Amino acid sequence: MGGISIWQLLIIALIVVLLFGTKKLRSLGGDLGGAVKGFKNAMSSEEDKKALEDAEAAKPVQTAQTAQPTQQATEKKPESNKEQA
């Protein structure tokens, strides 16, 4: 009651085939399949792009290290005996 039976669906399908023909329906199905495939490829490439951006953002950023002044080792000359006497 109120639903569409299998017989009604078959009659509708027969009318559609008679109106458009099998060749046109086949090409329409191929075009629709190509569009769905293109949409899936675009979505997966966007996900890959986002994952790549997230991975790059997670990498630690290298900062330029400032050069620390180094102390040169100077040898201390031994004191002469003159100063001790």
PDB file of N, CA and C in Angstrom:
ATOM      1  N   MET A   1       0.819  -1.170   0.000  1.00  0.00           N
ATOM      2  CA  MET A   1       0.000   0.000   0.000  1.00  0.00           C
ATOM      3  C   MET A   1       0.875   1.251   0.000  1.00  0.00           C
ATOM      4  N   GLY A   2       0.801   1.966  -1.031  1.00  0.00           N
ATOM      5  CA  GLY A   2       1.547   3.194  -1.130  1.00  0.00           C
ATOM      6  C   GLY A   2       2.962   2.996  -1.635  1.00  0.00           C
ATOM      7  N   GLY A   3       3.457   1.757  -1.637  1.00  0.00           N
ATOM      8  CA  GLY A   3       4.813   1.493  -2.104  1.00  0.00           C
ATOM      9  C   GLY A   3       4.802   1.172  -3.588  1.00  0.00           C
ATOM     10  N   ILE A   4       5.974   1.155  -4.175  1.00  0.00           N
ATOM     11  CA  ILE A   4       6.081   0.821  -5.590  1.00  0.00           C
ATOM     12  C   ILE A   4       6.433  -0.652  -5.688  1.00  0.00           C
ATOM     13  N   SER A   5       5.638  -1.383  -6.444  1.00  0.00           N
ATOM     14  CA  SER A   5       5.891  -2.816  -6.595  1.00  0.00           C
ATOM     15  C   SER A   5       6.921  -3.039  -7.701  1.00  0.00           C
ATOM     16  N   ILE A   6       7.369  -4.278  -7.809  1.00  0.00           N
ATOM     17  CA  ILE A   6       8.362  -4.640  -8.817  1.00  0.00           C
ATOM     18  C   ILE A   6       7.797  -4.443 -10.223  1.00  0.00           C
ATOM     19  N   TRP A   7       6.528  -4.680 -10.419  1.00  0.00           N
ATOM     20  CA  TRP A   7       5.912  -4.540 -11.736  1.00  0.00           C
ATOM     21  C   TRP A   7       5.894  -3.076 -12.179  1.00  0.00           C
ATOM     22  N   GLN A   8       5.646  -2.199 -11.245  1.00  0.00           N
ATOM     23  CA  GLN A   8       5.644  -0.774 -11.586  1.00  0.00           C
ATOM     24  C   GLN A   8       7.053  -0.309 -11.962  1.00  0.00           C
ATOM     25  N   LEU A   9       8.063  -0.801 -11.241  1.00  0.00           N
ATOM     26  CA  LEU A   9       9.443  -0.454 -11.575  1.00  0.00           C
ATOM     27  C   LEU A   9       9.837  -0.980 -12.958  1.00  0.00           C
ATOM     28  N   LEU A  10       9.399  -2.194 -13.294  1.00  0.00           N
ATOM     29  CA  LEU A  10       9.703  -2.758 -14.614  1.00  0.00           C
ATOM     30  C   LEU A  10       9.043  -1.954 -15.729  1.00  0.00           C
ATOM     31  N   ILE A  11       7.824  -1.517 -15.521  1.00  0.00           N
ATOM     32  CA  ILE A  11       7.126  -0.713 -16.529  1.00  0.00           C
ATOM     33  C   ILE A  11       7.841   0.627 -16.724  1.00  0.00           C
ATOM     34  N   ILE A  12       8.266   1.252 -15.631  1.00  0.00           N
ATOM     35  CA  ILE A  12       8.992   2.526 -15.725  1.00  0.00           C
ATOM     36  C   ILE A  12      10.315   2.319 -16.463  1.00  0.00           C
ATOM     37  N   ALA A  13      11.031   1.240 -16.157  1.00  0.00           N
ATOM     38  CA  ALA A  13      12.298   0.949 -16.828  1.00  0.00           C
ATOM     39  C   ALA A  13      12.079   0.723 -18.323  1.00  0.00           C
ATOM     40  N   LEU A  14      11.024   0.025 -18.699  1.00  0.00           N
ATOM     41  CA  LEU A  14      10.712  -0.227 -20.105  1.00  0.00           C
ATOM     42  C   LEU A  14      10.418   1.084 -20.836  1.00  0.00           C
ATOM     43  N   ILE A  15       9.670   1.965 -20.217  1.00  0.00           N
ATOM     44  CA  ILE A  15       9.358   3.262 -20.833  1.00  0.00           C
ATOM     45  C   ILE A  15      10.634   4.089 -21.021  1.00  0.00           C
ATOM     46  N   VAL A  16      11.522   4.080 -20.032  1.00  0.00           N
ATOM     47  CA  VAL A  16      12.781   4.830 -20.137  1.00  0.00           C
ATOM     48  C   VAL A  16      13.627   4.280 -21.279  1.00  0.00           C
ATOM     49  N   VAL A  17      13.707   2.958 -21.405  1.00  0.00           N
ATOM     50  CA  VAL A  17      14.485   2.346 -22.489  1.00  0.00           C
ATOM     51  C   VAL A  17      13.877   2.709 -23.836  1.00  0.00           C
ATOM     52  N   LEU A  18      12.561   2.699 -23.945  1.00  0.00           N
ATOM     53  CA  LEU A  18      11.914   3.056 -25.208  1.00  0.00           C
ATOM     54  C   LEU A  18      12.136   4.529 -25.556  1.00  0.00           C
ATOM     55  N   LEU A  19      12.142   5.397 -24.573  1.00  0.00           N
ATOM     56  CA  LEU A  19      12.321   6.825 -24.834  1.00  0.00           C
ATOM     57  C   LEU A  19      13.756   7.165 -25.234  1.00  0.00           C
ATOM     58  N   PHE A  20      14.713   6.645 -24.512  1.00  0.00           N
ATOM     59  CA  PHE A  20      16.103   7.052 -24.723  1.00  0.00           C
ATOM     60  C   PHE A  20      16.911   6.076 -25.563  1.00  0.00           C
ATOM     61  N   GLY A  21      16.548   4.836 -25.602  1.00  0.00           N
ATOM     62  CA  GLY A  21      17.317   3.855 -26.347  1.00  0.00           C
ATOM     63  C   GLY A  21      18.482   3.330 -25.517  1.00  0.00           C
ATOM     64  N   THR A  22      18.939   2.145 -25.859  1.00  0.00           N
ATOM     65  CA  THR A  22      19.982   1.505 -25.056  1.00  0.00           C
ATOM     66  C   THR A  22      21.341   2.172 -25.232  1.00  0.00           C
ATOM     67  N   LYS A  23      21.649   2.654 -26.448  1.00  0.00           N
ATOM     68  CA  LYS A  23      22.955   3.281 -26.674  1.00  0.00           C
ATOM     69  C   LYS A  23      23.097   4.554 -25.851  1.00  0.00           C
ATOM     70  N   LYS A  24      22.059   5.350 -25.845  1.00  0.00           N
ATOM     71  CA  LYS A  24      22.130   6.601 -25.094  1.00  0.00           C
ATOM     72  C   LYS A  24      22.207   6.323 -23.596  1.00  0.00           C
ATOM     73  N   LEU A  25      21.480   5.329 -23.116  1.00  0.00           N
ATOM     74  CA  LEU A  25      21.540   4.981 -21.692  1.00  0.00           C
ATOM     75  C   LEU A  25      22.915   4.434 -21.322  1.00  0.00           C
ATOM     76  N   ARG A  26      23.518   3.656 -22.228  1.00  0.00           N
ATOM     77  CA  ARG A  26      24.841   3.102 -21.972  1.00  0.00           C
ATOM     78  C   ARG A  26      25.881   4.220 -21.892  1.00  0.00           C
ATOM     79  N   SER A  27      25.811   5.169 -22.813  1.00  0.00           N
ATOM     80  CA  SER A  27      26.773   6.279 -22.775  1.00  0.00           C
ATOM     81  C   SER A  27      26.526   7.170 -21.561  1.00  0.00           C
ATOM     82  N   LEU A  28      25.267   7.326 -21.187  1.00  0.00           N
ATOM     83  CA  LEU A  28      24.944   8.106 -19.993  1.00  0.00           C
ATOM     84  C   LEU A  28      25.502   7.427 -18.745  1.00  0.00           C
ATOM     85  N   GLY A  29      25.392   6.106 -18.684  1.00  0.00           N
ATOM     86  CA  GLY A  29      25.953   5.357 -17.555  1.00  0.00           C
ATOM     87  C   GLY A  29      27.468   5.462 -17.509  1.00  0.00           C
ATOM     88  N   GLY A  30      28.112   5.403 -18.681  1.00  0.00           N
ATOM     89  CA  GLY A  30      29.569   5.547 -18.736  1.00  0.00           C
ATOM     90  C   GLY A  30      30.016   6.933 -18.288  1.00  0.00           C
ATOM     91  N   ASP A  31      29.275   7.951 -18.725  1.00  0.00           N
ATOM     92  CA  ASP A  31      29.601   9.320 -18.313  1.00  0.00           C
ATOM     93  C   ASP A  31      29.417   9.499 -16.813  1.00  0.00           C
ATOM     94  N   LEU A  32      28.356   8.925 -16.293  1.00  0.00           N
ATOM     95  CA  LEU A  32      28.099   9.023 -14.858  1.00  0.00           C
ATOM     96  C   LEU A  32      29.192   8.296 -14.068  1.00  0.00           C
ATOM     97  N   GLY A  33      29.594   7.128 -14.541  1.00  0.00           N
ATOM     98  CA  GLY A  33      30.671   6.384 -13.882  1.00  0.00           C
ATOM     99  C   GLY A  33      31.991   7.142 -13.920  1.00  0.00           C
ATOM    100  N   GLY A  34      32.291   7.776 -15.053  1.00  0.00           N
ATOM    101  CA  GLY A  34      33.512   8.578 -15.161  1.00  0.00           C
ATOM    102  C   GLY A  34      33.490   9.772 -14.221  1.00  0.00           C
ATOM    103  N   ALA A  35      32.316  10.379 -14.074  1.00  0.00           N
ATOM    104  CA  ALA A  35      32.200  11.522 -13.165  1.00  0.00           C
ATOM    105  C   ALA A  35      32.415  11.091 -11.719  1.00  0.00           C
ATOM    106  N   VAL A  36      31.857   9.951 -11.348  1.00  0.00           N
ATOM    107  CA  VAL A  36      32.031   9.447  -9.982  1.00  0.00           C
ATOM    108  C   VAL A  36      33.499   9.099  -9.733  1.00  0.00           C
ATOM    109  N   LYS A  37      34.152   8.491 -10.713  1.00  0.00           N
ATOM    110  CA  LYS A  37      35.565   8.138 -10.575  1.00  0.00           C
ATOM    111  C   LYS A  37      36.427   9.390 -10.437  1.00  0.00           C
ATOM    112  N   GLY A  38      36.135  10.400 -11.244  1.00  0.00           N
ATOM    113  CA  GLY A  38      36.868  11.662 -11.142  1.00  0.00           C
ATOM    114  C   GLY A  38      36.669  12.327  -9.797  1.00  0.00           C
ATOM    115  N   PHE A  39      35.448  12.267  -9.284  1.00  0.00           N
ATOM    116  CA  PHE A  39      35.158  12.849  -7.976  1.00  0.00           C
ATOM    117  C   PHE A  39      35.935  12.126  -6.883  1.00  0.00           C
ATOM    118  N   LYS A  40      35.980  10.810  -6.938  1.00  0.00           N
ATOM    119  CA  LYS A  40      36.726  10.039  -5.935  1.00  0.00           C
ATOM    120  C   LYS A  40      38.216  10.343  -6.009  1.00  0.00           C
ATOM    121  N   ASN A  41      38.753  10.458  -7.224  1.00  0.00           N
ATOM    122  CA  ASN A  41      40.177  10.784  -7.377  1.00  0.00           C
ATOM    123  C   ASN A  41      40.486  12.163  -6.813  1.00  0.00           C
ATOM    124  N   ALA A  42      39.602  13.113  -7.058  1.00  0.00           N
ATOM    125  CA  ALA A  42      39.818  14.467  -6.539  1.00  0.00           C
ATOM    126  C   ALA A  42      39.770  14.475  -5.017  1.00  0.00           C
ATOM    127  N   MET A  43      38.850  13.722  -4.444  1.00  0.00           N
ATOM    128  CA  MET A  43      38.735  13.673  -2.986  1.00  0.00           C
ATOM    129  C   MET A  43      39.964  13.007  -2.377  1.00  0.00           C
ATOM    130  N   SER A  44      40.456  11.935  -2.989  1.00  0.00           N
ATOM    131  CA  SER A  44      41.625  11.249  -2.431  1.00  0.00           C
ATOM    132  C   SER A  44      42.879  12.105  -2.580  1.00  0.00           C
ATOM    133  N   SER A  45      42.986  12.860  -3.672  1.00  0.00           N
ATOM    134  CA  SER A  45      44.160  13.725  -3.825  1.00  0.00           C
ATOM    135  C   SER A  45      44.121  14.865  -2.819  1.00  0.00           C
ATOM    136  N   GLU A  46      42.934  15.371  -2.489  1.00  0.00           N
ATOM    137  CA  GLU A  46      42.814  16.408  -1.462  1.00  0.00           C
ATOM    138  C   GLU A  46      43.200  15.851  -0.096  1.00  0.00           C
ATOM    139  N   GLU A  47      42.797  14.611   0.192  1.00  0.00           N
ATOM    140  CA  GLU A  47      43.150  13.992   1.472  1.00  0.00           C
ATOM    141  C   GLU A  47      44.658  13.769   1.555  1.00  0.00           C
ATOM    142  N   ASP A  48      45.268  13.334   0.433  1.00  0.00           N
ATOM    143  CA  ASP A  48      46.719  13.138   0.409  1.00  0.00           C
ATOM    144  C   ASP A  48      47.445  14.462   0.608  1.00  0.00           C
ATOM    145  N   LYS A  49      46.927  15.509  -0.032  1.00  0.00           N
ATOM    146  CA  LYS A  49      47.541  16.829   0.094  1.00  0.00           C
ATOM    147  C   LYS A  49      47.457  17.323   1.532  1.00  0.00           C
ATOM    148  N   LYS A  50      46.311  17.119   2.171  1.00  0.00           N
ATOM    149  CA  LYS A  50      46.130  17.559   3.554  1.00  0.00           C
ATOM    150  C   LYS A  50      47.031  16.754   4.488  1.00  0.00           C
ATOM    151  N   ALA A  51      47.144  15.454   4.246  1.00  0.00           N
ATOM    152  CA  ALA A  51      48.013  14.619   5.078  1.00  0.00           C
ATOM    153  C   ALA A  51      49.470  15.048   4.933  1.00  0.00           C
ATOM    154  N   LEU A  52      49.872  15.414   3.721  1.00  0.00           N
ATOM    155  CA  LEU A  52      51.239  15.877   3.497  1.00  0.00           C
ATOM    156  C   LEU A  52      51.490  17.196   4.219  1.00  0.00           C
ATOM    157  N   GLU A  53      50.508  18.096   4.168  1.00  0.00           N
ATOM    158  CA  GLU A  53      50.651  19.373   4.871  1.00  0.00           C
ATOM    159  C   GLU A  53      50.727  19.155   6.378  1.00  0.00           C
ATOM    160  N   ASP A  54      49.919  18.242   6.899  1.00  0.00           N
ATOM    161  CA  ASP A  54      49.948  17.952   8.331  1.00  0.00           C
ATOM    162  C   ASP A  54      51.296  17.363   8.740  1.00  0.00           C
ATOM    163  N   ALA A  55      51.851  16.502   7.888  1.00  0.00           N
ATOM    164  CA  ALA A  55      53.145  15.894   8.197  1.00  0.00           C
ATOM    165  C   ALA A  55      54.248  16.951   8.194  1.00  0.00           C
ATOM    166  N   GLU A  56      54.168  17.880   7.252  1.00  0.00           N
ATOM    167  CA  GLU A  56      55.175  18.940   7.203  1.00  0.00           C
ATOM    168  C   GLU A  56      55.045  19.872   8.399  1.00  0.00           C
ATOM    169  N   ALA A  57      53.824  20.108   8.842  1.00  0.00           N
ATOM    170  CA  ALA A  57      53.614  20.987   9.994  1.00  0.00           C
ATOM    171  C   ALA A  57      54.109  20.328  11.277  1.00  0.00           C
ATOM    172  N   ALA A  58      54.109  19.001  11.312  1.00  0.00           N
ATOM    173  CA  ALA A  58      54.530  18.288  12.513  1.00  0.00           C
ATOM    174  C   ALA A  58      56.052  18.230  12.640  1.00  0.00           C
ATOM    175  N   LYS A  59      56.762  18.463  11.551  1.00  0.00           N
ATOM    176  CA  LYS A  59      58.222  18.421  11.605  1.00  0.00           C
ATOM    177  C   LYS A  59      58.721  19.595  12.441  1.00  0.00           C
ATOM    178  N   PRO A  60      59.756  19.361  13.260  1.00  0.00           N
ATOM    179  CA  PRO A  60      60.304  20.487  14.026  1.00  0.00           C
ATOM    180  C   PRO A  60      61.011  21.463  13.092  1.00  0.00           C
ATOM    181  N   VAL A  61      60.819  22.708  13.362  1.00  0.00           N
ATOM    182  CA  VAL A  61      61.424  23.740  12.536  1.00  0.00           C
ATOM    183  C   VAL A  61      62.845  23.982  13.017  1.00  0.00           C
ATOM    184  N   GLN A  62      63.780  23.918  12.112  1.00  0.00           N
ATOM    185  CA  GLN A  62      65.170  24.157  12.477  1.00  0.00           C
ATOM    186  C   GLN A  62      65.393  25.654  12.526  1.00  0.00           C
ATOM    187  N   THR A  63      65.928  26.104  13.635  1.00  0.00           N
ATOM    188  CA  THR A  63      66.234  27.517  13.771  1.00  0.00           C
ATOM    189  C   THR A  63      67.721  27.709  13.560  1.00  0.00           C
ATOM    190  N   ALA A  64      68.069  28.876  13.120  1.00  0.00           N
ATOM    191  CA  ALA A  64      69.483  29.169  12.900  1.00  0.00           C
ATOM    192  C   ALA A  64      70.165  29.268  14.251  1.00  0.00           C
ATOM    193  N   GLN A  65      71.248  28.554  14.384  1.00  0.00           N
ATOM    194  CA  GLN A  65      71.973  28.576  15.647  1.00  0.00           C
ATOM    195  C   GLN A  65      72.940  29.745  15.626  1.00  0.00           C
ATOM    196  N   THR A  66      72.921  30.500  16.697  1.00  0.00           N
ATOM    197  CA  THR A  66      73.847  31.624  16.776  1.00  0.00           C
ATOM    198  C   THR A  66      75.199  31.103  17.216  1.00  0.00           C
ATOM    199  N   ALA A  67      76.214  31.694  16.669  1.00  0.00           N
ATOM    200  CA  ALA A  67      77.572  31.260  16.987  1.00  0.00           C
ATOM    201  C   ALA A  67      77.931  31.749  18.384  1.00  0.00           C
ATOM    202  N   GLN A  68      78.366  30.835  19.206  1.00  0.00           N
ATOM    203  CA  GLN A  68      78.789  31.179  20.560  1.00  0.00           C
ATOM    204  C   GLN A  68      80.262  31.565  20.513  1.00  0.00           C
ATOM    205  N   PRO A  69      80.619  32.680  21.144  1.00  0.00           N
ATOM    206  CA  PRO A  69      82.037  33.038  21.152  1.00  0.00           C
ATOM    207  C   PRO A  69      82.821  31.994  21.935  1.00  0.00           C
ATOM    208  N   THR A  70      83.896  31.594  21.361  1.00  0.00           N
ATOM    209  CA  THR A  70      84.717  30.580  22.021  1.00  0.00           C
ATOM    210  C   THR A  70      85.900  31.254  22.683  1.00  0.00           C
ATOM    211  N   GLN A  71      86.274  30.741  23.804  1.00  0.00           N
ATOM    212  CA  GLN A  71      87.429  31.282  24.510  1.00  0.00           C
ATOM    213  C   GLN A  71      88.659  30.545  24.016  1.00  0.00           C
ATOM    214  N   GLN A  72      89.634  31.328  23.698  1.00  0.00           N
ATOM    215  CA  GLN A  72      90.867  30.717  23.246  1.00  0.00           C
ATOM    216  C   GLN A  72      91.694  30.359  24.469  1.00  0.00           C
ATOM    217  N   ALA A  73      92.191  29.187  24.431  1.00  0.00           N
ATOM    218  CA  ALA A  73      93.005  28.738  25.558  1.00  0.00           C
ATOM    219  C   ALA A  73      94.368  29.404  25.470  1.00  0.00           C
ATOM    220  N   THR A  74      94.692  30.119  26.488  1.00  0.00           N
ATOM    221  CA  THR A  74      96.017  30.744  26.538  1.00  0.00           C
ATOM    222  C   THR A  74      96.827  30.012  27.585  1.00  0.00           C
ATOM    223  N   GLU A  75      98.004  29.707  27.210  1.00  0.00           N
ATOM    224  CA  GLU A  75      98.861  28.995  28.151  1.00  0.00           C
ATOM    225  C   GLU A  75      99.416  29.993  29.150  1.00  0.00           C
ATOM    226  N   LYS A  76      99.338  29.617  30.350  1.00  0.00           N
ATOM    227  CA  LYS A  76      99.872  30.466  31.406  1.00  0.00           C
ATOM    228  C   LYS A  76     101.363  30.179  31.502  1.00  0.00           C
ATOM    229  N   LYS A  77     102.104  31.239  31.365  1.00  0.00           N
ATOM    230  CA  LYS A  77     103.557  31.076  31.417  1.00  0.00           C
ATOM    231  C   LYS A  77     103.960  30.828  32.860  1.00  0.00           C
ATOM    232  N   PRO A  78     104.855  29.914  33.047  1.00  0.00           N
ATOM    233  CA  PRO A  78     105.307  29.684  34.414  1.00  0.00           C
ATOM    234  C   PRO A  78     106.027  30.925  34.941  1.00  0.00           C
ATOM    235  N   GLU A  79     105.708  31.217  36.165  1.00  0.00           N
ATOM    236  CA  GLU A  79     106.333  32.398  36.760  1.00  0.00           C
ATOM    237  C   GLU A  79     107.813  32.117  36.988  1.00  0.00           C
ATOM    238  N   SER A  80     108.554  33.101  36.764  1.00  0.00           N
ATOM    239  CA  SER A  80     109.999  32.920  36.946  1.00  0.00           C
ATOM    240  C   SER A  80     110.355  32.973  38.423  1.00  0.00           C
ATOM    241  N   ASN A  81     111.498  32.484  38.731  1.00  0.00           N
ATOM    242  CA  ASN A  81     111.965  32.449  40.116  1.00  0.00           C
ATOM    243  C   ASN A  81     112.304  33.833  40.639  1.00  0.00           C
ATOM    244  N   LYS A  82     112.432  34.805  39.759  1.00  0.00           N
ATOM    245  CA  LYS A  82     112.792  36.145  40.175  1.00  0.00           C
ATOM    246  C   LYS A  82     111.713  36.739  41.067  1.00  0.00           C
ATOM    247  N   GLU A  83     110.466  36.484  40.725  1.00  0.00           N
ATOM    248  CA  GLU A  83     109.383  37.075  41.488  1.00  0.00           C
ATOM    249  C   GLU A  83     109.251  36.421  42.853  1.00  0.00           C
ATOM    250  N   GLN A  84     109.635  35.198  42.999  1.00  0.00           N
ATOM    251  CA  GLN A  84     109.498  34.503  44.271  1.00  0.00           C
ATOM    252  C   GLN A  84     110.587  34.912  45.242  1.00  0.00           C
ATOM    253  N   ALA A  85     111.723  35.314  44.828  1.00  0.00           N
ATOM    254  CA  ALA A  85     112.828  35.611  45.724  1.00  0.00           C
ATOM    255  C   ALA A  85     112.854  37.003  46.227  1.00  0.00           C
TER     256      ALA A  85
END
